[in-house]
Amino acid sequence: MSIVAAYLYRDGKRVDAVSLGDPQPLEATGEFAWIGLHDPTKEEMAALQKAFRLHPLAVEDALDIKQVPKVEVYDDQIFVIAKTAHLDGDEIEYGETAIFVGPRHIVSVRHGSDRGHSELRRQLEEAPQILKNGPDYVLHGILDFVVDGYLPVVQTIEDHVLAMEHDMLDSILGRLEIKRLFKLRRQLIRFQRVLGPMTEVCGKLVHLDLPCVDAEAKNYFRDVLDHARRVEGTVAGLKDVITSVFEASNLLEQQRQGTITRQLAAWAAIAAVPTAIAGIYGMNFEDMPELKTEYGYYVVIAVIASLCGVLYFRFKRSGWL
C-alpha cells in the first residue's frame, strides 16, 4: 500500500485511523482527516476521490509528476502542487507533492521525494494547539517543510562554489573544474524555474481569499513566502558568484599568459644582442674593421656581457623577469 499514514484528528489530537474503503462522516467542527500517500496507484486515488469528493482534474494532476507548482480552487477545496528538491552529487533531483485541502480533510501525495512527512506529522501532533486550527495549518507545515528542504541544497552548492573560488586564487582552474562550474550554473538556472512558481504559490496563499484558508493562517504562509524569497535571492547570488569565479579565472589565466609572453620577449631581446654582434663579425669579408685587433675578442665578449647585463637589470626592474 502506498498509504503512509491516515488518521483522524479531533481538537488537535489523533483519535483514530481513517479507512478509505468506508470513511466515517466527520463532525462539523474540530475534526479533520490527514492522509499521506507516496506514489499511489490510480485505484487508490479513485478511492480517495470518492471518499473526499476530490475534483477529477486535480486527481489527474496529482498522478502526473510533471506538474509545475500551482494553486487551484475547486468549489470549497483547494489543490496545491509543490516541488521538492534534494542534491545528488552535483545534480538537483526534483520530486512533487500534491496536496488536497478541504474543510475537513487534507491529503498529501508525494512523488520522487525521499523526505517523508512522518517527522512533520510528529512535530505537529506535539503541538495540538496549532493542529486543532484545521487542515490549512497542516498545509502550512507541509509547504514550510518543502521550502526548508531547499536550504541544504543551496548551502551545499554554495560550499562547492566557494571552495572552487578559493582554489582558483591558488591555481588556475582546469577544464574539469570549469565544466563543473557550468554544470552547477545550469542546475541553479533549473532551480530558479522551480523557485519562481513556488514563490507565487506562497504569495497566493498569503494575498488571495481562498477556501479552507483563514485569515490567521496567512501569517504563517507569509513566513514560508519569506523563506522562499530568501532561497531565491541566494540562488541568484550564487549564479553571480559562479560567473565571477569563471571571469576571475580567465583574468588570472590571461595574466599568467601575459607574464610568460613578457618573459619570453625579454629573453629574446637579451639574446638578440649577442646574436646581432656575432652575426656582424661572422660575415666573411676581408676588409672588416677590428678583425686584426689583438684584444678584439675579449672586447666583444665584454660588450656583449655588458649590454646583456644592462638589459637584464632593466627588464628585472620593470617586472618582466
C-alpha atoms as a PDB file:
ATOM      1  CA  MET A   1       0.000   0.000   0.000  1.00  0.00           C
ATOM      2  CA  SER A   2       1.221   3.482  -0.801  1.00  0.00           C
ATOM      3  CA  ILE A   3      -0.737   4.961   2.125  1.00  0.00           C
ATOM      4  CA  VAL A   4       1.896   6.083   4.623  1.00  0.00           C
ATOM      5  CA  ALA A   5      -0.480   7.407   7.262  1.00  0.00           C
ATOM      6  CA  ALA A   6      -4.216   8.117   7.508  1.00  0.00           C
ATOM      7  CA  TYR A   7      -5.554   9.445  10.787  1.00  0.00           C
ATOM      8  CA  LEU A   8      -8.481  11.355  12.176  1.00  0.00           C
ATOM      9  CA  TYR A   9      -7.783  14.378  14.390  1.00  0.00           C
ATOM     10  CA  ARG A  10     -10.138  15.978  16.845  1.00  0.00           C
ATOM     11  CA  ASP A  11      -9.227  19.175  18.676  1.00  0.00           C
ATOM     12  CA  GLY A  12      -5.632  18.760  17.521  1.00  0.00           C
ATOM     13  CA  LYS A  13      -5.211  15.208  18.790  1.00  0.00           C
ATOM     14  CA  ARG A  14      -5.057  11.950  16.875  1.00  0.00           C
ATOM     15  CA  VAL A  15      -8.095   9.847  17.727  1.00  0.00           C
ATOM     16  CA  ASP A  16      -8.403   7.093  15.131  1.00  0.00           C
ATOM     17  CA  ALA A  17      -7.217   5.676  11.821  1.00  0.00           C
ATOM     18  CA  VAL A  18      -9.119   6.560   8.659  1.00  0.00           C
ATOM     19  CA  SER A  19     -10.436   3.823   6.403  1.00  0.00           C
ATOM     20  CA  LEU A  20     -10.570   4.814   2.762  1.00  0.00           C
ATOM     21  CA  GLY A  21     -12.876   1.966   1.909  1.00  0.00           C
ATOM     22  CA  ASP A  22     -15.554   3.052   4.364  1.00  0.00           C
ATOM     23  CA  PRO A  23     -14.846   6.621   5.533  1.00  0.00           C
ATOM     24  CA  GLN A  24     -16.751   7.787   8.561  1.00  0.00           C
ATOM     25  CA  PRO A  25     -18.634  11.106   8.419  1.00  0.00           C
ATOM     26  CA  LEU A  26     -16.745  13.915  10.110  1.00  0.00           C
ATOM     27  CA  GLU A  27     -18.145  16.270  12.694  1.00  0.00           C
ATOM     28  CA  ALA A  28     -18.906  19.835  11.736  1.00  0.00           C
ATOM     29  CA  THR A  29     -16.164  21.400  13.848  1.00  0.00           C
ATOM     30  CA  GLY A  30     -12.844  20.432  15.395  1.00  0.00           C
ATOM     31  CA  GLU A  31     -12.353  17.297  13.337  1.00  0.00           C
ATOM     32  CA  PHE A  32     -10.453  16.540  10.145  1.00  0.00           C
ATOM     33  CA  ALA A  33      -8.595  13.729   8.419  1.00  0.00           C
ATOM     34  CA  TRP A  34      -4.944  13.894   7.379  1.00  0.00           C
ATOM     35  CA  ILE A  35      -3.904  11.285   4.843  1.00  0.00           C
ATOM     36  CA  GLY A  36      -0.410  10.888   3.431  1.00  0.00           C
ATOM     37  CA  LEU A  37       0.406   8.811   0.364  1.00  0.00           C
ATOM     38  CA  HIS A  38       3.607   8.017  -1.511  1.00  0.00           C
ATOM     39  CA  ASP A  39       3.403   7.131  -5.234  1.00  0.00           C
ATOM     40  CA  PRO A  40      -0.236   5.970  -5.071  1.00  0.00           C
ATOM     41  CA  THR A  41      -1.934   3.893  -7.737  1.00  0.00           C
ATOM     42  CA  LYS A  42      -4.888   5.062  -9.811  1.00  0.00           C
ATOM     43  CA  GLU A  43      -7.169   2.767  -7.798  1.00  0.00           C
ATOM     44  CA  GLU A  44      -6.086   4.334  -4.516  1.00  0.00           C
ATOM     45  CA  MET A  45      -6.592   7.822  -5.887  1.00  0.00           C
ATOM     46  CA  ALA A  46     -10.012   6.805  -7.160  1.00  0.00           C
ATOM     47  CA  ALA A  47     -10.922   5.671  -3.640  1.00  0.00           C
ATOM     48  CA  LEU A  48      -9.757   8.992  -2.229  1.00  0.00           C
ATOM     49  CA  GLN A  49     -11.684  10.868  -4.897  1.00  0.00           C
ATOM     50  CA  LYS A  50     -14.856   9.081  -3.903  1.00  0.00           C
ATOM     51  CA  ALA A  51     -14.279   9.420  -0.160  1.00  0.00           C
ATOM     52  CA  PHE A  52     -13.483  13.146  -0.126  1.00  0.00           C
ATOM     53  CA  ARG A  53     -15.166  14.406  -3.312  1.00  0.00           C
ATOM     54  CA  LEU A  54     -11.868  15.366  -4.928  1.00  0.00           C
ATOM     55  CA  HIS A  55     -12.112  17.039  -8.302  1.00  0.00           C
ATOM     56  CA  PRO A  56     -11.178  14.644 -11.136  1.00  0.00           C
ATOM     57  CA  LEU A  57      -8.876  17.200 -12.793  1.00  0.00           C
ATOM     58  CA  ALA A  58      -6.976  17.641  -9.525  1.00  0.00           C
ATOM     59  CA  VAL A  59      -6.708  13.854  -9.141  1.00  0.00           C
ATOM     60  CA  GLU A  60      -5.343  13.627 -12.669  1.00  0.00           C
ATOM     61  CA  ASP A  61      -2.730  16.290 -11.919  1.00  0.00           C
ATOM     62  CA  ALA A  62      -1.747  14.528  -8.692  1.00  0.00           C
ATOM     63  CA  LEU A  63      -0.891  11.389 -10.655  1.00  0.00           C
ATOM     64  CA  ASP A  64       1.158  13.349 -13.210  1.00  0.00           C
ATOM     65  CA  ILE A  65       4.663  14.009 -11.850  1.00  0.00           C
ATOM     66  CA  LYS A  66       5.479  16.693 -14.445  1.00  0.00           C
ATOM     67  CA  GLN A  67       3.383  19.474 -12.991  1.00  0.00           C
ATOM     68  CA  VAL A  68       4.635  22.926 -12.020  1.00  0.00           C
ATOM     69  CA  PRO A  69       3.914  24.434  -8.588  1.00  0.00           C
ATOM     70  CA  LYS A  70       0.439  25.958  -8.533  1.00  0.00           C
ATOM     71  CA  VAL A  71      -2.708  26.658  -6.512  1.00  0.00           C
ATOM     72  CA  GLU A  72      -6.137  25.838  -7.906  1.00  0.00           C
ATOM     73  CA  VAL A  73      -9.605  26.234  -6.408  1.00  0.00           C
ATOM     74  CA  TYR A  74     -12.305  23.601  -6.873  1.00  0.00           C
ATOM     75  CA  ASP A  75     -15.583  24.588  -5.184  1.00  0.00           C
ATOM     76  CA  ASP A  76     -14.867  24.592  -1.433  1.00  0.00           C
ATOM     77  CA  GLN A  77     -11.486  22.875  -1.799  1.00  0.00           C
ATOM     78  CA  ILE A  78      -8.033  23.977  -2.923  1.00  0.00           C
ATOM     79  CA  PHE A  79      -5.403  21.937  -4.720  1.00  0.00           C
ATOM     80  CA  VAL A  80      -1.703  22.762  -4.277  1.00  0.00           C
ATOM     81  CA  ILE A  81       1.319  21.338  -6.051  1.00  0.00           C
ATOM     82  CA  ALA A  82       4.763  21.901  -4.546  1.00  0.00           C
ATOM     83  CA  LYS A  83       8.160  20.829  -5.887  1.00  0.00           C
ATOM     84  CA  THR A  84      10.645  19.143  -3.574  1.00  0.00           C
ATOM     85  CA  ALA A  85      14.389  19.196  -4.225  1.00  0.00           C
ATOM     86  CA  HIS A  86      17.422  17.298  -2.983  1.00  0.00           C
ATOM     87  CA  LEU A  87      21.046  17.155  -4.085  1.00  0.00           C
ATOM     88  CA  ASP A  88      22.547  14.014  -5.617  1.00  0.00           C
ATOM     89  CA  GLY A  89      26.220  14.776  -6.224  1.00  0.00           C
ATOM     90  CA  ASP A  90      26.158  17.928  -8.326  1.00  0.00           C
ATOM     91  CA  GLU A  91      22.649  17.188  -9.642  1.00  0.00           C
ATOM     92  CA  ILE A  92      19.489  18.656  -8.137  1.00  0.00           C
ATOM     93  CA  GLU A  93      16.801  15.976  -8.203  1.00  0.00           C
ATOM     94  CA  TYR A  94      13.167  17.052  -8.015  1.00  0.00           C
ATOM     95  CA  GLY A  95      10.077  15.477  -6.575  1.00  0.00           C
ATOM     96  CA  GLU A  96       6.480  16.558  -6.340  1.00  0.00           C
ATOM     97  CA  THR A  97       3.942  16.842  -3.553  1.00  0.00           C
ATOM     98  CA  ALA A  98       0.282  17.314  -4.417  1.00  0.00           C
ATOM     99  CA  ILE A  99      -1.963  18.493  -1.599  1.00  0.00           C
ATOM    100  CA  PHE A 100      -5.767  18.406  -1.469  1.00  0.00           C
ATOM    101  CA  VAL A 101      -7.229  20.674   1.197  1.00  0.00           C
ATOM    102  CA  GLY A 102     -10.891  20.633   2.157  1.00  0.00           C
ATOM    103  CA  PRO A 103     -12.876  21.889   5.134  1.00  0.00           C
ATOM    104  CA  ARG A 104     -12.431  18.566   6.955  1.00  0.00           C
ATOM    105  CA  HIS A 105      -9.534  16.833   5.213  1.00  0.00           C
ATOM    106  CA  ILE A 106      -6.030  17.226   3.855  1.00  0.00           C
ATOM    107  CA  VAL A 107      -4.462  14.661   1.533  1.00  0.00           C
ATOM    108  CA  SER A 108      -0.787  14.804   0.544  1.00  0.00           C
ATOM    109  CA  VAL A 109       0.539  12.777  -2.390  1.00  0.00           C
ATOM    110  CA  ARG A 110       4.321  12.509  -2.722  1.00  0.00           C
ATOM    111  CA  HIS A 111       6.243  11.527  -5.826  1.00  0.00           C
ATOM    112  CA  GLY A 112      10.012  11.088  -6.057  1.00  0.00           C
ATOM    113  CA  SER A 113      10.826  12.602  -2.664  1.00  0.00           C
ATOM    114  CA  ASP A 114      12.883  10.699  -0.095  1.00  0.00           C
ATOM    115  CA  ARG A 115      11.860  13.052   2.702  1.00  0.00           C
ATOM    116  CA  GLY A 116       8.712  11.658   4.256  1.00  0.00           C
ATOM    117  CA  HIS A 117       6.255  13.606   6.372  1.00  0.00           C
ATOM    118  CA  SER A 118       6.494  11.347   9.398  1.00  0.00           C
ATOM    119  CA  GLU A 119       8.715  13.740  11.321  1.00  0.00           C
ATOM    120  CA  LEU A 120       6.498  16.679  10.332  1.00  0.00           C
ATOM    121  CA  ARG A 121       3.403  14.797  11.494  1.00  0.00           C
ATOM    122  CA  ARG A 122       5.078  14.019  14.812  1.00  0.00           C
ATOM    123  CA  GLN A 123       6.046  17.665  15.335  1.00  0.00           C
ATOM    124  CA  LEU A 124       2.524  18.875  14.601  1.00  0.00           C
ATOM    125  CA  GLU A 125       0.988  16.234  16.841  1.00  0.00           C
ATOM    126  CA  GLU A 126       3.211  17.527  19.638  1.00  0.00           C
ATOM    127  CA  ALA A 127       1.629  20.964  19.127  1.00  0.00           C
ATOM    128  CA  PRO A 128      -2.147  20.286  19.302  1.00  0.00           C
ATOM    129  CA  GLN A 129      -2.849  23.991  19.831  1.00  0.00           C
ATOM    130  CA  ILE A 130      -1.732  24.502  16.208  1.00  0.00           C
ATOM    131  CA  LEU A 131      -3.105  21.287  14.764  1.00  0.00           C
ATOM    132  CA  LYS A 132      -6.592  21.926  16.142  1.00  0.00           C
ATOM    133  CA  ASN A 133      -6.899  25.004  13.889  1.00  0.00           C
ATOM    134  CA  GLY A 134      -7.549  22.789  10.894  1.00  0.00           C
ATOM    135  CA  PRO A 135      -6.125  21.489   7.603  1.00  0.00           C
ATOM    136  CA  ASP A 136      -4.805  24.886   6.463  1.00  0.00           C
ATOM    137  CA  TYR A 137      -2.220  24.809   9.249  1.00  0.00           C
ATOM    138  CA  VAL A 138      -1.151  21.354   8.134  1.00  0.00           C
ATOM    139  CA  LEU A 139      -0.818  22.770   4.615  1.00  0.00           C
ATOM    140  CA  HIS A 140       1.473  25.443   6.023  1.00  0.00           C
ATOM    141  CA  GLY A 141       3.535  22.783   7.767  1.00  0.00           C
ATOM    142  CA  ILE A 142       3.965  20.790   4.543  1.00  0.00           C
ATOM    143  CA  LEU A 143       4.923  23.826   2.458  1.00  0.00           C
ATOM    144  CA  ASP A 144       7.316  25.016   5.154  1.00  0.00           C
ATOM    145  CA  PHE A 145       8.820  21.513   5.222  1.00  0.00           C
ATOM    146  CA  VAL A 146       9.274  21.557   1.434  1.00  0.00           C
ATOM    147  CA  VAL A 147      10.802  25.044   1.295  1.00  0.00           C
ATOM    148  CA  ASP A 148      13.126  24.320   4.221  1.00  0.00           C
ATOM    149  CA  GLY A 149      14.384  21.359   2.190  1.00  0.00           C
ATOM    150  CA  TYR A 150      15.732  23.833  -0.371  1.00  0.00           C
ATOM    151  CA  LEU A 151      18.211  25.327   2.109  1.00  0.00           C
ATOM    152  CA  PRO A 152      20.580  22.312   2.368  1.00  0.00           C
ATOM    153  CA  VAL A 153      20.644  22.139  -1.442  1.00  0.00           C
ATOM    154  CA  VAL A 154      21.615  25.791  -1.807  1.00  0.00           C
ATOM    155  CA  GLN A 155      24.093  25.692   1.087  1.00  0.00           C
ATOM    156  CA  THR A 156      25.880  22.629  -0.297  1.00  0.00           C
ATOM    157  CA  ILE A 157      26.201  24.199  -3.754  1.00  0.00           C
ATOM    158  CA  GLU A 158      27.379  27.413  -2.115  1.00  0.00           C
ATOM    159  CA  ASP A 159      30.096  25.488  -0.253  1.00  0.00           C
ATOM    160  CA  HIS A 160      31.221  23.852  -3.521  1.00  0.00           C
ATOM    161  CA  VAL A 161      31.387  27.197  -5.314  1.00  0.00           C
ATOM    162  CA  LEU A 162      33.274  28.931  -2.501  1.00  0.00           C
ATOM    163  CA  ALA A 163      35.767  26.049  -2.354  1.00  0.00           C
ATOM    164  CA  MET A 164      36.349  26.359  -6.102  1.00  0.00           C
ATOM    165  CA  GLU A 165      36.735  30.117  -5.699  1.00  0.00           C
ATOM    166  CA  HIS A 166      39.415  29.537  -3.053  1.00  0.00           C
ATOM    167  CA  ASP A 167      41.208  27.018  -5.275  1.00  0.00           C
ATOM    168  CA  MET A 168      41.032  29.427  -8.189  1.00  0.00           C
ATOM    169  CA  LEU A 169      43.037  32.001  -6.238  1.00  0.00           C
ATOM    170  CA  ASP A 170      45.800  29.445  -5.640  1.00  0.00           C
ATOM    171  CA  SER A 171      45.899  27.868  -9.089  1.00  0.00           C
ATOM    172  CA  ILE A 172      44.242  28.226 -12.461  1.00  0.00           C
ATOM    173  CA  LEU A 173      41.023  26.224 -12.830  1.00  0.00           C
ATOM    174  CA  GLY A 174      41.372  23.257 -15.132  1.00  0.00           C
ATOM    175  CA  ARG A 175      38.969  22.010 -17.766  1.00  0.00           C
ATOM    176  CA  LEU A 176      37.152  19.712 -15.331  1.00  0.00           C
ATOM    177  CA  GLU A 177      36.643  22.485 -12.775  1.00  0.00           C
ATOM    178  CA  ILE A 178      35.289  24.847 -15.441  1.00  0.00           C
ATOM    179  CA  LYS A 179      32.899  22.156 -16.689  1.00  0.00           C
ATOM    180  CA  ARG A 180      31.719  21.659 -13.120  1.00  0.00           C
ATOM    181  CA  LEU A 181      31.143  25.392 -12.719  1.00  0.00           C
ATOM    182  CA  PHE A 182      28.927  25.485 -15.779  1.00  0.00           C
ATOM    183  CA  LYS A 183      27.109  22.350 -14.618  1.00  0.00           C
ATOM    184  CA  LEU A 184      26.335  23.969 -11.258  1.00  0.00           C
ATOM    185  CA  ARG A 185      25.172  27.098 -13.062  1.00  0.00           C
ATOM    186  CA  ARG A 186      22.781  25.042 -15.206  1.00  0.00           C
ATOM    187  CA  GLN A 187      21.434  23.363 -12.068  1.00  0.00           C
ATOM    188  CA  LEU A 188      20.794  26.747 -10.455  1.00  0.00           C
ATOM    189  CA  ILE A 189      19.005  28.030 -13.558  1.00  0.00           C
ATOM    190  CA  ARG A 190      16.708  24.987 -13.463  1.00  0.00           C
ATOM    191  CA  PHE A 191      16.211  25.529  -9.736  1.00  0.00           C
ATOM    192  CA  GLN A 192      15.120  29.110 -10.386  1.00  0.00           C
ATOM    193  CA  ARG A 193      12.394  27.790 -12.674  1.00  0.00           C
ATOM    194  CA  VAL A 194      11.030  25.905  -9.664  1.00  0.00           C
ATOM    195  CA  LEU A 195      11.538  28.663  -7.104  1.00  0.00           C
ATOM    196  CA  GLY A 196       9.612  31.230  -9.139  1.00  0.00           C
ATOM    197  CA  PRO A 197       6.324  29.272  -9.226  1.00  0.00           C
ATOM    198  CA  MET A 198       6.818  28.152  -5.605  1.00  0.00           C
ATOM    199  CA  THR A 199       7.105  31.780  -4.542  1.00  0.00           C
ATOM    200  CA  GLU A 200       3.923  32.538  -6.487  1.00  0.00           C
ATOM    201  CA  VAL A 201       2.135  29.681  -4.714  1.00  0.00           C
ATOM    202  CA  CYS A 202       3.093  31.059  -1.299  1.00  0.00           C
ATOM    203  CA  GLY A 203       2.146  34.568  -2.422  1.00  0.00           C
ATOM    204  CA  LYS A 204      -1.322  33.461  -3.484  1.00  0.00           C
ATOM    205  CA  LEU A 205      -1.881  31.734  -0.132  1.00  0.00           C
ATOM    206  CA  VAL A 206      -0.933  34.988   1.587  1.00  0.00           C
ATOM    207  CA  HIS A 207      -2.749  37.552  -0.550  1.00  0.00           C
ATOM    208  CA  LEU A 208      -5.802  35.775  -2.008  1.00  0.00           C
ATOM    209  CA  ASP A 209      -9.030  34.846  -0.264  1.00  0.00           C
ATOM    210  CA  LEU A 210      -9.081  31.074  -0.705  1.00  0.00           C
ATOM    211  CA  PRO A 211     -11.454  28.482   0.711  1.00  0.00           C
ATOM    212  CA  CYS A 212     -10.133  26.495   3.682  1.00  0.00           C
ATOM    213  CA  VAL A 213      -7.513  29.172   4.489  1.00  0.00           C
ATOM    214  CA  ASP A 214      -8.475  31.525   7.300  1.00  0.00           C
ATOM    215  CA  ALA A 215      -7.020  34.963   7.910  1.00  0.00           C
ATOM    216  CA  GLU A 216      -4.838  33.900  10.839  1.00  0.00           C
ATOM    217  CA  ALA A 217      -3.150  31.205   8.747  1.00  0.00           C
ATOM    218  CA  LYS A 218      -1.985  33.819   6.234  1.00  0.00           C
ATOM    219  CA  ASN A 219       0.645  34.999   8.718  1.00  0.00           C
ATOM    220  CA  TYR A 220       2.121  31.508   8.725  1.00  0.00           C
ATOM    221  CA  PHE A 221       2.158  31.345   4.932  1.00  0.00           C
ATOM    222  CA  ARG A 222       3.855  34.754   4.868  1.00  0.00           C
ATOM    223  CA  ASP A 223       6.751  33.186   6.776  1.00  0.00           C
ATOM    224  CA  VAL A 224       7.041  30.440   4.132  1.00  0.00           C
ATOM    225  CA  LEU A 225       6.939  33.127   1.439  1.00  0.00           C
ATOM    226  CA  ASP A 226       9.856  34.918   3.123  1.00  0.00           C
ATOM    227  CA  HIS A 227      11.850  31.675   3.202  1.00  0.00           C
ATOM    228  CA  ALA A 228      11.163  31.022  -0.473  1.00  0.00           C
ATOM    229  CA  ARG A 229      12.226  34.546  -1.426  1.00  0.00           C
ATOM    230  CA  ARG A 230      15.388  34.194   0.641  1.00  0.00           C
ATOM    231  CA  VAL A 231      16.307  30.987  -1.159  1.00  0.00           C
ATOM    232  CA  GLU A 232      15.504  32.618  -4.493  1.00  0.00           C
ATOM    233  CA  GLY A 233      17.811  35.535  -3.677  1.00  0.00           C
ATOM    234  CA  THR A 234      20.587  33.192  -2.570  1.00  0.00           C
ATOM    235  CA  VAL A 235      20.360  31.233  -5.820  1.00  0.00           C
ATOM    236  CA  ALA A 236      20.551  34.455  -7.851  1.00  0.00           C
ATOM    237  CA  GLY A 237      23.620  35.492  -5.854  1.00  0.00           C
ATOM    238  CA  LEU A 238      25.243  32.088  -6.390  1.00  0.00           C
ATOM    239  CA  LYS A 239      24.813  32.456 -10.139  1.00  0.00           C
ATOM    240  CA  ASP A 240      26.661  35.768  -9.968  1.00  0.00           C
ATOM    241  CA  VAL A 241      29.426  34.191  -7.858  1.00  0.00           C
ATOM    242  CA  ILE A 242      29.882  31.381 -10.392  1.00  0.00           C
ATOM    243  CA  THR A 243      30.121  33.938 -13.189  1.00  0.00           C
ATOM    244  CA  SER A 244      32.648  35.933 -11.161  1.00  0.00           C
ATOM    245  CA  VAL A 245      34.749  32.845 -10.458  1.00  0.00           C
ATOM    246  CA  PHE A 246      34.837  31.973 -14.151  1.00  0.00           C
ATOM    247  CA  GLU A 247      35.714  35.532 -15.176  1.00  0.00           C
ATOM    248  CA  ALA A 248      38.380  35.812 -12.473  1.00  0.00           C
ATOM    249  CA  SER A 249      39.874  32.509 -13.596  1.00  0.00           C
ATOM    250  CA  ASN A 250      40.028  33.829 -17.161  1.00  0.00           C
ATOM    251  CA  LEU A 251      41.678  37.045 -15.982  1.00  0.00           C
ATOM    252  CA  LEU A 252      44.273  35.113 -13.981  1.00  0.00           C
ATOM    253  CA  GLU A 253      44.962  32.875 -16.971  1.00  0.00           C
ATOM    254  CA  GLN A 254      45.374  35.922 -19.220  1.00  0.00           C
ATOM    255  CA  GLN A 255      47.654  37.482 -16.627  1.00  0.00           C
ATOM    256  CA  ARG A 256      49.732  34.307 -16.470  1.00  0.00           C
ATOM    257  CA  GLN A 257      49.973  34.180 -20.254  1.00  0.00           C
ATOM    258  CA  GLY A 258      50.924  37.875 -20.340  1.00  0.00           C
ATOM    259  CA  THR A 259      53.670  37.244 -17.784  1.00  0.00           C
ATOM    260  CA  ILE A 260      55.047  34.373 -19.854  1.00  0.00           C
ATOM    261  CA  THR A 261      54.869  36.490 -23.012  1.00  0.00           C
ATOM    262  CA  ARG A 262      56.793  39.332 -21.335  1.00  0.00           C
ATOM    263  CA  GLN A 263      59.423  36.926 -20.061  1.00  0.00           C
ATOM    264  CA  LEU A 264      59.883  35.401 -23.499  1.00  0.00           C
ATOM    265  CA  ALA A 265      60.100  38.860 -25.079  1.00  0.00           C
ATOM    266  CA  ALA A 266      62.686  39.969 -22.503  1.00  0.00           C
ATOM    267  CA  TRP A 267      64.887  36.909 -23.016  1.00  0.00           C
ATOM    268  CA  ALA A 268      64.514  37.285 -26.775  1.00  0.00           C
ATOM    269  CA  ALA A 269      65.692  40.896 -26.528  1.00  0.00           C
ATOM    270  CA  ILE A 270      68.681  39.862 -24.397  1.00  0.00           C
ATOM    271  CA  ALA A 271      69.534  37.043 -26.786  1.00  0.00           C
ATOM    272  CA  ALA A 272      69.298  39.426 -29.746  1.00  0.00           C
ATOM    273  CA  VAL A 273      72.403  41.361 -28.588  1.00  0.00           C
ATOM    274  CA  PRO A 274      74.993  38.555 -28.907  1.00  0.00           C
ATOM    275  CA  THR A 275      73.167  37.242 -31.949  1.00  0.00           C
ATOM    276  CA  ALA A 276      73.451  40.595 -33.722  1.00  0.00           C
ATOM    277  CA  ILE A 277      77.103  41.156 -32.780  1.00  0.00           C
ATOM    278  CA  ALA A 278      78.104  37.600 -33.617  1.00  0.00           C
ATOM    279  CA  GLY A 279      76.209  37.857 -36.900  1.00  0.00           C
ATOM    280  CA  ILE A 280      78.103  41.009 -37.906  1.00  0.00           C
ATOM    281  CA  TYR A 281      81.517  39.661 -37.084  1.00  0.00           C
ATOM    282  CA  GLY A 282      80.703  36.314 -38.533  1.00  0.00           C
ATOM    283  CA  MET A 283      80.481  37.724 -42.078  1.00  0.00           C
ATOM    284  CA  ASN A 284      83.267  36.562 -44.425  1.00  0.00           C
ATOM    285  CA  PHE A 285      84.715  39.849 -45.631  1.00  0.00           C
ATOM    286  CA  GLU A 286      88.439  40.537 -45.984  1.00  0.00           C
ATOM    287  CA  ASP A 287      88.361  44.243 -45.168  1.00  0.00           C
ATOM    288  CA  MET A 288      86.302  44.417 -41.939  1.00  0.00           C
ATOM    289  CA  PRO A 289      87.447  46.828 -39.169  1.00  0.00           C
ATOM    290  CA  GLU A 290      88.883  45.422 -35.936  1.00  0.00           C
ATOM    291  CA  LEU A 291      89.334  41.937 -37.392  1.00  0.00           C
ATOM    292  CA  LYS A 292      93.049  42.030 -36.605  1.00  0.00           C
ATOM    293  CA  THR A 293      92.745  43.756 -33.207  1.00  0.00           C
ATOM    294  CA  GLU A 294      94.806  41.896 -30.605  1.00  0.00           C
ATOM    295  CA  TYR A 295      92.223  42.044 -27.867  1.00  0.00           C
ATOM    296  CA  GLY A 296      89.140  42.318 -30.092  1.00  0.00           C
ATOM    297  CA  TYR A 297      87.654  39.010 -28.958  1.00  0.00           C
ATOM    298  CA  TYR A 298      87.733  39.992 -25.284  1.00  0.00           C
ATOM    299  CA  VAL A 299      86.361  43.437 -26.047  1.00  0.00           C
ATOM    300  CA  VAL A 300      83.395  41.953 -27.962  1.00  0.00           C
ATOM    301  CA  ILE A 301      82.686  39.482 -25.154  1.00  0.00           C
ATOM    302  CA  ALA A 302      82.789  42.331 -22.628  1.00  0.00           C
ATOM    303  CA  VAL A 303      80.468  44.475 -24.750  1.00  0.00           C
ATOM    304  CA  ILE A 304      78.034  41.571 -25.168  1.00  0.00           C
ATOM    305  CA  ALA A 305      78.079  40.812 -21.433  1.00  0.00           C
ATOM    306  CA  SER A 306      77.620  44.489 -20.515  1.00  0.00           C
ATOM    307  CA  LEU A 307      74.708  45.029 -22.893  1.00  0.00           C
ATOM    308  CA  CYS A 308      73.031  41.792 -21.804  1.00  0.00           C
ATOM    309  CA  GLY A 309      73.530  42.735 -18.152  1.00  0.00           C
ATOM    310  CA  VAL A 310      72.057  46.183 -18.657  1.00  0.00           C
ATOM    311  CA  LEU A 311      69.031  44.714 -20.459  1.00  0.00           C
ATOM    312  CA  TYR A 312      68.581  42.059 -17.789  1.00  0.00           C
ATOM    313  CA  PHE A 313      68.518  44.572 -14.931  1.00  0.00           C
ATOM    314  CA  ARG A 314      66.202  46.894 -16.858  1.00  0.00           C
ATOM    315  CA  PHE A 315      63.738  44.070 -17.527  1.00  0.00           C
ATOM    316  CA  LYS A 316      64.089  42.872 -13.946  1.00  0.00           C
ATOM    317  CA  ARG A 317      63.293  46.332 -12.589  1.00  0.00           C
ATOM    318  CA  SER A 318      60.224  46.648 -14.830  1.00  0.00           C
ATOM    319  CA  GLY A 319      58.898  43.240 -13.672  1.00  0.00           C
ATOM    320  CA  TRP A 320      59.328  41.437 -16.955  1.00  0.00           C
ATOM    321  CA  LEU A 321      61.761  38.924 -15.478  1.00  0.00           C
END
